[in-house]
Amino acid sequence: MLDLETLGTDKGSIILSIGAVKFDPAKTGIEDSIEIFIDPVNSEKAGFEMSASTIGWWLHPERAEARAQLLKNKDNWLDVGTALDHFRTWFGFDSLPVWGNSAAFDNELLKAYFEKANMETPWAFWHDRCYRTVKSLAPSIKLERVGTYHAAVDDAISQAMHLQKILAHLNLEV
């Protein structure tokens, strides 16, 4: 499961953090996780952009805890290339399914970073999965948040565990 925190909603938007977890959809629990923070100034210099409306969204008081977590990790902010290298190393070199809360958002924005950095995306396009679509199949199964809402790794954990519950409830294998 992949979750991004960004400064925009279009491909080419600055990514502040990448949260991802490895999990087995047929089981419960998380196998491994990573959270990577990307220096927004370095991203801007690399040609990525931010949107004023998203900046305004981040400034809302209900996102204070998530903002604080991003700023608390400022010493861990990486340049774009190093961040992508860390993600690729963690992901591994076997293409695995990548779930996003809309494969057209998280997955595509991260792919845009890999493309702009002239690096190969570590998963094949046919491995894009849409958590939002599966979530709509079982609206009675409620998402239980873990950690800080809008902290990338916490959202990825919450979404992966929710997906596991939905798949078990619907008796589906993916």
C-alpha atoms as a PDB file:
ATOM      1  CA  MET A   1       0.000   0.000   0.000  1.00  0.00           C
ATOM      2  CA  LEU A   2       1.336   3.372  -1.033  1.00  0.00           C
ATOM      3  CA  ASP A   3       0.352   6.736   0.414  1.00  0.00           C
ATOM      4  CA  LEU A   4       1.804  10.115  -0.473  1.00  0.00           C
ATOM      5  CA  GLU A   5       1.566  13.483   1.166  1.00  0.00           C
ATOM      6  CA  THR A   6       1.930  16.160  -1.474  1.00  0.00           C
ATOM      7  CA  LEU A   7       1.758  19.866  -2.242  1.00  0.00           C
ATOM      8  CA  GLY A   8      -0.580  19.359  -5.194  1.00  0.00           C
ATOM      9  CA  THR A   9      -2.905  16.903  -6.850  1.00  0.00           C
ATOM     10  CA  ASP A  10      -1.506  16.776 -10.390  1.00  0.00           C
ATOM     11  CA  LYS A  11       1.320  14.691 -11.819  1.00  0.00           C
ATOM     12  CA  GLY A  12       4.429  16.747 -11.253  1.00  0.00           C
ATOM     13  CA  SER A  13       3.309  17.951  -7.823  1.00  0.00           C
ATOM     14  CA  ILE A  14       5.830  18.057  -4.995  1.00  0.00           C
ATOM     15  CA  ILE A  15       5.780  14.948  -2.814  1.00  0.00           C
ATOM     16  CA  LEU A  16       6.531  15.678   0.839  1.00  0.00           C
ATOM     17  CA  SER A  17       6.514  12.091   2.059  1.00  0.00           C
ATOM     18  CA  ILE A  18       6.149   8.559   0.799  1.00  0.00           C
ATOM     19  CA  GLY A  19       4.607   5.995   3.107  1.00  0.00           C
ATOM     20  CA  ALA A  20       4.414   2.384   2.041  1.00  0.00           C
ATOM     21  CA  VAL A  21       3.778  -0.981   3.616  1.00  0.00           C
ATOM     22  CA  LYS A  22       4.229  -4.543   2.487  1.00  0.00           C
ATOM     23  CA  PHE A  23       1.374  -6.841   3.424  1.00  0.00           C
ATOM     24  CA  ASP A  24      -0.386 -10.009   2.360  1.00  0.00           C
ATOM     25  CA  PRO A  25      -3.962  -9.159   1.289  1.00  0.00           C
ATOM     26  CA  ALA A  26      -5.133 -12.621   2.410  1.00  0.00           C
ATOM     27  CA  LYS A  27      -3.845 -12.214   5.972  1.00  0.00           C
ATOM     28  CA  THR A  28      -3.974  -9.605   8.696  1.00  0.00           C
ATOM     29  CA  GLY A  29      -1.109  -7.372   9.706  1.00  0.00           C
ATOM     30  CA  ILE A  30       1.741  -5.502   8.126  1.00  0.00           C
ATOM     31  CA  GLU A  31       4.993  -7.177   7.100  1.00  0.00           C
ATOM     32  CA  ASP A  32       7.211  -4.116   6.610  1.00  0.00           C
ATOM     33  CA  SER A  33       6.931  -0.354   6.286  1.00  0.00           C
ATOM     34  CA  ILE A  34       8.877   2.680   5.158  1.00  0.00           C
ATOM     35  CA  GLU A  35       8.408   6.423   5.382  1.00  0.00           C
ATOM     36  CA  ILE A  36      10.569   8.708   3.280  1.00  0.00           C
ATOM     37  CA  PHE A  37      10.582  12.487   3.526  1.00  0.00           C
ATOM     38  CA  ILE A  38      11.530  14.509   0.444  1.00  0.00           C
ATOM     39  CA  ASP A  39      12.972  18.012   0.618  1.00  0.00           C
ATOM     40  CA  PRO A  40      10.346  20.238  -1.048  1.00  0.00           C
ATOM     41  CA  VAL A  41      12.959  22.834  -2.061  1.00  0.00           C
ATOM     42  CA  ASN A  42      14.992  20.138  -3.829  1.00  0.00           C
ATOM     43  CA  SER A  43      11.809  18.889  -5.501  1.00  0.00           C
ATOM     44  CA  GLU A  44      10.983  22.390  -6.704  1.00  0.00           C
ATOM     45  CA  LYS A  45      14.524  22.789  -8.110  1.00  0.00           C
ATOM     46  CA  ALA A  46      14.018  19.445  -9.890  1.00  0.00           C
ATOM     47  CA  GLY A  47      10.954  20.886 -11.647  1.00  0.00           C
ATOM     48  CA  PHE A  48       8.100  19.736  -9.418  1.00  0.00           C
ATOM     49  CA  GLU A  49       5.386  22.204  -8.500  1.00  0.00           C
ATOM     50  CA  MET A  50       3.012  23.090  -5.687  1.00  0.00           C
ATOM     51  CA  SER A  51      -0.536  24.378  -5.751  1.00  0.00           C
ATOM     52  CA  ALA A  52      -1.832  27.249  -3.635  1.00  0.00           C
ATOM     53  CA  SER A  53      -5.069  25.392  -2.915  1.00  0.00           C
ATOM     54  CA  THR A  54      -3.136  22.419  -1.511  1.00  0.00           C
ATOM     55  CA  ILE A  55      -0.970  24.718   0.613  1.00  0.00           C
ATOM     56  CA  GLY A  56      -4.224  26.167   1.975  1.00  0.00           C
ATOM     57  CA  TRP A  57      -5.503  22.639   2.616  1.00  0.00           C
ATOM     58  CA  TRP A  58      -2.339  21.834   4.643  1.00  0.00           C
ATOM     59  CA  LEU A  59      -2.781  25.028   6.708  1.00  0.00           C
ATOM     60  CA  HIS A  60      -6.171  23.941   8.052  1.00  0.00           C
ATOM     61  CA  PRO A  61      -6.032  23.494  11.873  1.00  0.00           C
ATOM     62  CA  GLU A  62      -7.141  19.837  11.697  1.00  0.00           C
ATOM     63  CA  ARG A  63      -3.885  18.999   9.877  1.00  0.00           C
ATOM     64  CA  ALA A  64      -1.637  20.545  12.551  1.00  0.00           C
ATOM     65  CA  GLU A  65      -0.466  17.151  13.831  1.00  0.00           C
ATOM     66  CA  ALA A  66       0.461  15.938  10.338  1.00  0.00           C
ATOM     67  CA  ARG A  67       2.293  19.230   9.596  1.00  0.00           C
ATOM     68  CA  ALA A  68       4.168  18.907  12.879  1.00  0.00           C
ATOM     69  CA  GLN A  69       5.238  15.370  11.973  1.00  0.00           C
ATOM     70  CA  LEU A  70       6.569  16.549   8.599  1.00  0.00           C
ATOM     71  CA  LEU A  71       8.506  19.387  10.217  1.00  0.00           C
ATOM     72  CA  LYS A  72       9.752  17.174  13.058  1.00  0.00           C
ATOM     73  CA  ASN A  73      11.429  15.022  10.410  1.00  0.00           C
ATOM     74  CA  LYS A  74      13.090  17.942   8.600  1.00  0.00           C
ATOM     75  CA  ASP A  75      16.544  16.538   9.418  1.00  0.00           C
ATOM     76  CA  ASN A  76      15.515  13.398   7.496  1.00  0.00           C
ATOM     77  CA  TRP A  77      14.422  15.183   4.304  1.00  0.00           C
ATOM     78  CA  LEU A  78      16.177  13.653   1.299  1.00  0.00           C
ATOM     79  CA  ASP A  79      16.854  14.948  -2.175  1.00  0.00           C
ATOM     80  CA  VAL A  80      14.692  13.437  -4.916  1.00  0.00           C
ATOM     81  CA  GLY A  81      17.276  10.947  -6.218  1.00  0.00           C
ATOM     82  CA  THR A  82      18.238   9.643  -2.787  1.00  0.00           C
ATOM     83  CA  ALA A  83      14.586   9.331  -1.758  1.00  0.00           C
ATOM     84  CA  LEU A  84      13.748   7.324  -4.876  1.00  0.00           C
ATOM     85  CA  ASP A  85      16.818   5.113  -4.395  1.00  0.00           C
ATOM     86  CA  HIS A  86      15.722   4.397  -0.812  1.00  0.00           C
ATOM     87  CA  PHE A  87      12.229   3.507  -1.980  1.00  0.00           C
ATOM     88  CA  ARG A  88      13.494   1.227  -4.778  1.00  0.00           C
ATOM     89  CA  THR A  89      15.847  -0.569  -2.387  1.00  0.00           C
ATOM     90  CA  TRP A  90      13.067  -1.108   0.149  1.00  0.00           C
ATOM     91  CA  PHE A  91      10.559  -2.154  -2.528  1.00  0.00           C
ATOM     92  CA  GLY A  92      12.926  -4.708  -4.046  1.00  0.00           C
ATOM     93  CA  PHE A  93      13.349  -5.699  -7.622  1.00  0.00           C
ATOM     94  CA  ASP A  94      10.437  -8.107  -7.981  1.00  0.00           C
ATOM     95  CA  SER A  95       7.464  -6.192  -9.332  1.00  0.00           C
ATOM     96  CA  LEU A  96       4.690  -6.434  -6.749  1.00  0.00           C
ATOM     97  CA  PRO A  97       1.123  -5.100  -6.783  1.00  0.00           C
ATOM     98  CA  VAL A  98       1.036  -1.491  -5.594  1.00  0.00           C
ATOM     99  CA  TRP A  99      -2.197  -0.324  -4.006  1.00  0.00           C
ATOM    100  CA  GLY A 100      -3.001   3.368  -3.847  1.00  0.00           C
ATOM    101  CA  ASN A 101      -6.044   5.227  -2.578  1.00  0.00           C
ATOM    102  CA  SER A 102      -6.699   5.712  -6.274  1.00  0.00           C
ATOM    103  CA  ALA A 103      -4.070   4.179  -8.473  1.00  0.00           C
ATOM    104  CA  ALA A 104      -4.478   7.326 -10.566  1.00  0.00           C
ATOM    105  CA  PHE A 105      -3.193   9.503  -7.708  1.00  0.00           C
ATOM    106  CA  ASP A 106      -0.549   8.012  -5.419  1.00  0.00           C
ATOM    107  CA  ASN A 107       0.850   5.553  -7.927  1.00  0.00           C
ATOM    108  CA  GLU A 108       0.881   8.058 -10.789  1.00  0.00           C
ATOM    109  CA  LEU A 109       2.455  10.897  -8.808  1.00  0.00           C
ATOM    110  CA  LEU A 110       5.268   8.629  -7.626  1.00  0.00           C
ATOM    111  CA  LYS A 111       5.753   7.303 -11.171  1.00  0.00           C
ATOM    112  CA  ALA A 112       6.131  10.923 -12.345  1.00  0.00           C
ATOM    113  CA  TYR A 113       8.990  11.360  -9.867  1.00  0.00           C
ATOM    114  CA  PHE A 114      10.732   8.260 -11.186  1.00  0.00           C
ATOM    115  CA  GLU A 115      10.239   9.418 -14.782  1.00  0.00           C
ATOM    116  CA  LYS A 116      11.577  12.922 -14.128  1.00  0.00           C
ATOM    117  CA  ALA A 117      14.589  11.427 -12.338  1.00  0.00           C
ATOM    118  CA  ASN A 118      15.174   9.085 -15.323  1.00  0.00           C
ATOM    119  CA  MET A 119      14.758   6.082 -13.046  1.00  0.00           C
ATOM    120  CA  GLU A 120      12.709   2.987 -13.705  1.00  0.00           C
ATOM    121  CA  THR A 121       9.560   2.643 -11.620  1.00  0.00           C
ATOM    122  CA  PRO A 122      10.035  -0.478  -9.479  1.00  0.00           C
ATOM    123  CA  TRP A 123       6.647  -1.960 -10.347  1.00  0.00           C
ATOM    124  CA  ALA A 124       5.074  -2.864 -13.680  1.00  0.00           C
ATOM    125  CA  PHE A 125       2.032  -0.867 -14.824  1.00  0.00           C
ATOM    126  CA  TRP A 126      -0.144  -3.967 -14.640  1.00  0.00           C
ATOM    127  CA  HIS A 127       0.535  -4.132 -10.908  1.00  0.00           C
ATOM    128  CA  ASP A 128      -1.277  -0.856 -10.153  1.00  0.00           C
ATOM    129  CA  ARG A 129      -4.198  -1.527  -7.796  1.00  0.00           C
ATOM    130  CA  CYS A 130      -6.956   0.798  -6.602  1.00  0.00           C
ATOM    131  CA  TYR A 131      -7.809   0.552  -2.901  1.00  0.00           C
ATOM    132  CA  ARG A 132     -10.574   3.162  -3.348  1.00  0.00           C
ATOM    133  CA  THR A 133     -12.421   0.879  -5.783  1.00  0.00           C
ATOM    134  CA  VAL A 134     -12.321  -2.101  -3.411  1.00  0.00           C
ATOM    135  CA  LYS A 135     -13.293   0.162  -0.502  1.00  0.00           C
ATOM    136  CA  SER A 136     -16.474   1.138  -2.362  1.00  0.00           C
ATOM    137  CA  LEU A 137     -17.533  -2.532  -2.513  1.00  0.00           C
ATOM    138  CA  ALA A 138     -17.959  -2.740   1.275  1.00  0.00           C
ATOM    139  CA  PRO A 139     -18.937   0.649   2.697  1.00  0.00           C
ATOM    140  CA  SER A 140     -20.111  -1.024   5.929  1.00  0.00           C
ATOM    141  CA  ILE A 141     -16.498  -1.969   6.769  1.00  0.00           C
ATOM    142  CA  LYS A 142     -15.182   1.203   8.363  1.00  0.00           C
ATOM    143  CA  LEU A 143     -11.596   2.400   8.166  1.00  0.00           C
ATOM    144  CA  GLU A 144      -9.884   2.429  11.562  1.00  0.00           C
ATOM    145  CA  ARG A 145      -7.055   4.952  11.587  1.00  0.00           C
ATOM    146  CA  VAL A 146      -3.651   4.097  13.006  1.00  0.00           C
ATOM    147  CA  GLY A 147      -1.374   6.913  14.118  1.00  0.00           C
ATOM    148  CA  THR A 148      -1.555  10.395  12.644  1.00  0.00           C
ATOM    149  CA  TYR A 149      -4.091  11.135   9.912  1.00  0.00           C
ATOM    150  CA  HIS A 150      -2.229  12.433   6.826  1.00  0.00           C
ATOM    151  CA  ALA A 151       1.096  11.004   7.947  1.00  0.00           C
ATOM    152  CA  ALA A 152       1.981   8.908   4.902  1.00  0.00           C
ATOM    153  CA  VAL A 153       3.087   5.693   6.604  1.00  0.00           C
ATOM    154  CA  ASP A 154       0.227   5.789   9.126  1.00  0.00           C
ATOM    155  CA  ASP A 155      -2.294   6.234   6.310  1.00  0.00           C
ATOM    156  CA  ALA A 156      -0.693   3.368   4.355  1.00  0.00           C
ATOM    157  CA  ILE A 157      -0.950   1.091   7.406  1.00  0.00           C
ATOM    158  CA  SER A 158      -4.583   2.073   8.028  1.00  0.00           C
ATOM    159  CA  GLN A 159      -5.523   1.520   4.390  1.00  0.00           C
ATOM    160  CA  ALA A 160      -3.746  -1.850   4.100  1.00  0.00           C
ATOM    161  CA  MET A 161      -5.425  -3.175   7.240  1.00  0.00           C
ATOM    162  CA  HIS A 162      -8.787  -1.882   6.003  1.00  0.00           C
ATOM    163  CA  LEU A 163      -8.258  -3.585   2.632  1.00  0.00           C
ATOM    164  CA  GLN A 164      -7.469  -6.874   4.401  1.00  0.00           C
ATOM    165  CA  LYS A 165     -10.734  -6.636   6.384  1.00  0.00           C
ATOM    166  CA  ILE A 166     -12.745  -5.848   3.249  1.00  0.00           C
ATOM    167  CA  LEU A 167     -11.258  -8.739   1.276  1.00  0.00           C
ATOM    168  CA  ALA A 168     -11.903 -11.155   4.160  1.00  0.00           C
ATOM    169  CA  HIS A 169     -15.468  -9.865   4.552  1.00  0.00           C
ATOM    170  CA  LEU A 170     -16.167 -10.265   0.823  1.00  0.00           C
ATOM    171  CA  ASN A 171     -14.254 -13.561   0.685  1.00  0.00           C
ATOM    172  CA  LEU A 172     -12.151 -12.226  -2.194  1.00  0.00           C
ATOM    173  CA  GLU A 173      -8.627 -13.124  -3.212  1.00  0.00           C
ATOM    174  CA  VAL A 174      -6.505 -10.640  -5.125  1.00  0.00           C
END
